[in-house]
Amino acid sequence: MRNAAVHAALMASLLWGVLRPSDAVSAEQTACEGLEQDVAPFAATTLPVGLIYRRAFFGDDRLEGPATALVGAHVRAETPTPGRGVGLAAQPGGSLELVPEAAVPIGAASRLRLVVAAATPMRIEIGLGDAATGTRLYRPVDLVAGEQIVDLRLVDLRYDRGVVPRLDRARSWSVRFVDGGEIELRAFELWRDDDLDAATREIDALREDFDDSSVVSTFHRGPFVILSDAPLLDPEAVFDALDRMHAQTRALLPNMPVATRPIPLLVFADDTQYIRFWRRFSARVGADIGPRKGDEGLAWLGVATATFSPEWSVRPTFVHEAHHALLERSYGLSAGRSWILEGLAILAQLEVSEQDLAPVYRHGLQRRHAPESLQALTNGTPIDTSDYWQVALLAEWLTSDSGRRAALDAALSEMAARGDTDLRLVAPRYFGADLGVVTAEFWSWAWFAHGL
């Protein structure tokens, strides 16, 4: 009997192993003429370049009114000083949210500036609020003692798990006090530095996060954008695979919304550059995110990444990670390593790798604890790599029957609206039974299909 570590390694090698490598791509095959014209241009805004909004704060401003929300924070009560900022005292987790006095196109700005004075060093989060979903784009910032100007590009804001906020729906700005403390709020500004749209700014920023942006090629087709510094990558072959994946996903999930932004796939020349990219990218948005040991690809914030392999014209990982980015930017649901998103991405990947998972399923089913409840597996929290065989099998079951496919299509729409993929909450409504009954039906099918 193999121990748990060996078993996990076996599962990973069977699932992700390169079983059918294609011929290496020659340098002569890398031309991809005309792809730049395959994507429809995004509408340009007519706003001027420069300062588009400014709110100054003075000592007699009490921050009162329906457009202001103070939670766990208050305006300091001492005598106001004319010409100075508004003094705020906040508990850890306290926040200030303000809606501009007029309809301001926040999403058209390229950066924000906050002029503030801090009594002591502290951490805050500056955010933009999506009123339609109650979510925010934000960036953690460490303040030093004294007056300072915080200048942030909007492309450097991020979001958490759940419903994805949209910049074009931003209607407010906020300060959250992570540590608590006292500040003087003096001014908030929105700047538009160029005539580019938000999608173009994002692609430009991703290009800058490569080791050498001058050698990065950018290709567009349909909803996808490929950025790569791998000279032997064949973008046409990759786009063909992505187009097939997109069409098959839409056939499977006909109610899937159209992606609200281009879907980037970044392909790196080697693993070293891939890892360095994630250090730069995650640091830029104030986080520390990167691939785990053994990960061939990673998708986060709707950005798919992987490394080039000369053994494949289209590495299956490209399709897997792009599938994650497609669903996130279509459904507006950020749920990294969720059971259903991983399961569907694995099925999409198998269309390229043509790997037979029957031996993996059979081995997993014959383990002592395999036929267990789906409660922990499908509650929407990130799953472990050792569970990938189970979610792949579950996705196969859900998509192998027209009735279950229709139920999954409808359930995903509700999951996106709720901001999680907890199957327990939607099983009775869409699958006609609670999760216990669904679990029994699934394992019965799995044993019949793959257990013998």
Foldseek 3Di string as FASTA:
>chain_A
DDDPVVLLVVLCCQQQPQDDFDAFFDLVQADDPPQQVQEDDDDWDPDDAWWQDKDFAFQVDQQDDPQKDWFQKGFDDPRTDGPFFTKMFGAAFIKMKGFDPDAGQQQQFFKKKWKKAFQAWFKKKKWFAQVVQRFIWIFIDIDHHTIDMDMATSLLTAGDFFFAGDSRRGGMMMMTGNHTGMMGTTMMTTGHHDRDHPQVVNVVVLLVLFPDSVQWDWGHHYLEIEIENASRAHVVVQVVLLVVLVVVVCVLQVPFAAFPHRQYEYEYADPVRQFSSQCVSQVSNHHRDGDDPPDQWDEDRLHTYGYDDSRHSHNLSSQLRSQLSRNCRRLSGGQPQALQSLLSSSVSSCVVSVRDCLVVLQVQLPDPCNLDFCQVRQQQHHDDSSCSSVSVLVNCVQRVDPLSSVLVSVLSNVCSSGGGRGCQVCCCPRVVDGRVVVSVVSVVVSCVVRHD
